[in-house]
Amino acid sequence: MISLLAEEFIYQSLISGKELGYDTYVMPESILGKSPKKKERAIKKLKSRGVGYTGVIVPVIPTLLCQCEQL
């Protein structure tokens, strides 16, 4: 997921998705926190709740482009 504040928007969205049965992943490079410490704490908490972690953003773009071309 790509968004803003790790400890607010990201956390709630990813946990809600997980509870609904979706595989959810956080990309730390694409989110912010109120401070680096709060961002790291939110990421650790998400990992402990079963949210996946990925540091790879580049492969997402070709996948999205391919999906858009199919529409």
Protein backbone atom coordinates (compact mmCIF):
# COMPACT_ATOMS: atom_id res chain seq x y z
CA MET A 1 0.00 0.00 0.00
CA ILE A 2 1.18 3.50 -0.82
CA SER A 3 -0.19 6.38 1.26
CA LEU A 4 0.75 8.88 3.92
CA LEU A 5 0.94 8.58 7.70
CA ALA A 6 2.06 5.11 8.71
CA GLU A 7 0.62 5.26 12.18
CA GLU A 8 -2.84 6.39 11.07
CA PHE A 9 -4.12 5.85 7.52
CA ILE A 10 -1.81 3.05 6.51
CA TYR A 11 -2.20 1.11 9.72
CA GLN A 12 -6.00 1.15 9.74
CA SER A 13 -6.32 0.35 6.03
CA LEU A 14 -3.90 -2.57 6.09
CA ILE A 15 -5.33 -4.10 9.26
CA SER A 16 -8.89 -3.76 7.94
CA GLY A 17 -7.89 -5.44 4.69
CA LYS A 18 -6.17 -8.23 6.59
CA GLU A 19 -9.27 -8.78 8.74
CA LEU A 20 -11.37 -9.04 5.57
CA GLY A 21 -9.09 -11.81 4.28
CA TYR A 22 -6.90 -9.86 1.86
CA ASP A 23 -3.15 -10.23 1.58
CA THR A 24 -1.81 -6.82 2.53
CA TYR A 25 1.69 -5.39 2.15
CA VAL A 26 3.40 -2.22 3.27
CA MET A 27 6.13 -0.45 1.26
CA PRO A 28 8.08 1.56 3.83
CA GLU A 29 9.75 3.78 1.21
CA SER A 30 6.37 5.06 0.08
CA ILE A 31 4.93 6.16 3.43
CA LEU A 32 5.61 8.85 6.00
CA GLY A 33 5.32 9.00 9.74
CA LYS A 34 5.02 11.88 12.15
CA SER A 35 8.62 10.97 12.99
CA PRO A 36 11.00 8.23 11.82
CA LYS A 37 10.57 6.49 15.17
CA LYS A 38 6.76 6.45 14.90
CA LYS A 39 6.95 5.17 11.33
CA GLU A 40 9.24 2.31 12.35
CA ARG A 41 7.01 1.45 15.32
CA ALA A 42 3.93 1.32 13.06
CA ILE A 43 5.74 -0.95 10.57
CA LYS A 44 6.82 -3.33 13.35
CA LYS A 45 3.26 -3.43 14.68
CA LEU A 46 1.89 -4.18 11.20
CA LYS A 47 4.39 -7.02 10.74
CA SER A 48 3.36 -8.50 14.08
CA ARG A 49 -0.28 -8.47 12.90
CA GLY A 50 0.59 -10.44 9.74
CA VAL A 51 0.91 -7.64 7.21
CA GLY A 52 3.54 -8.37 4.56
CA TYR A 53 6.58 -6.19 4.03
CA THR A 54 8.17 -5.29 0.73
CA GLY A 55 10.85 -2.83 -0.20
CA VAL A 56 10.33 -3.26 -3.93
CA ILE A 57 8.27 -0.58 -5.66
CA VAL A 58 9.50 -0.85 -9.26
CA PRO A 59 7.84 -4.22 -10.20
CA VAL A 60 4.44 -2.80 -9.23
CA ILE A 61 4.47 -0.21 -12.03
CA PRO A 62 4.70 -2.63 -15.01
CA THR A 63 1.96 -4.77 -13.47
CA LEU A 64 -0.34 -1.76 -13.14
CA LEU A 65 0.41 -0.66 -16.70
CA CYS A 66 -0.41 -4.12 -18.06
CA GLN A 67 -3.68 -4.18 -16.15
CA CYS A 68 -4.63 -0.75 -17.52
CA GLU A 69 -3.91 -1.81 -21.09
CA GLN A 70 -6.29 -4.74 -20.69
CA LEU A 71 -9.17 -2.44 -19.77
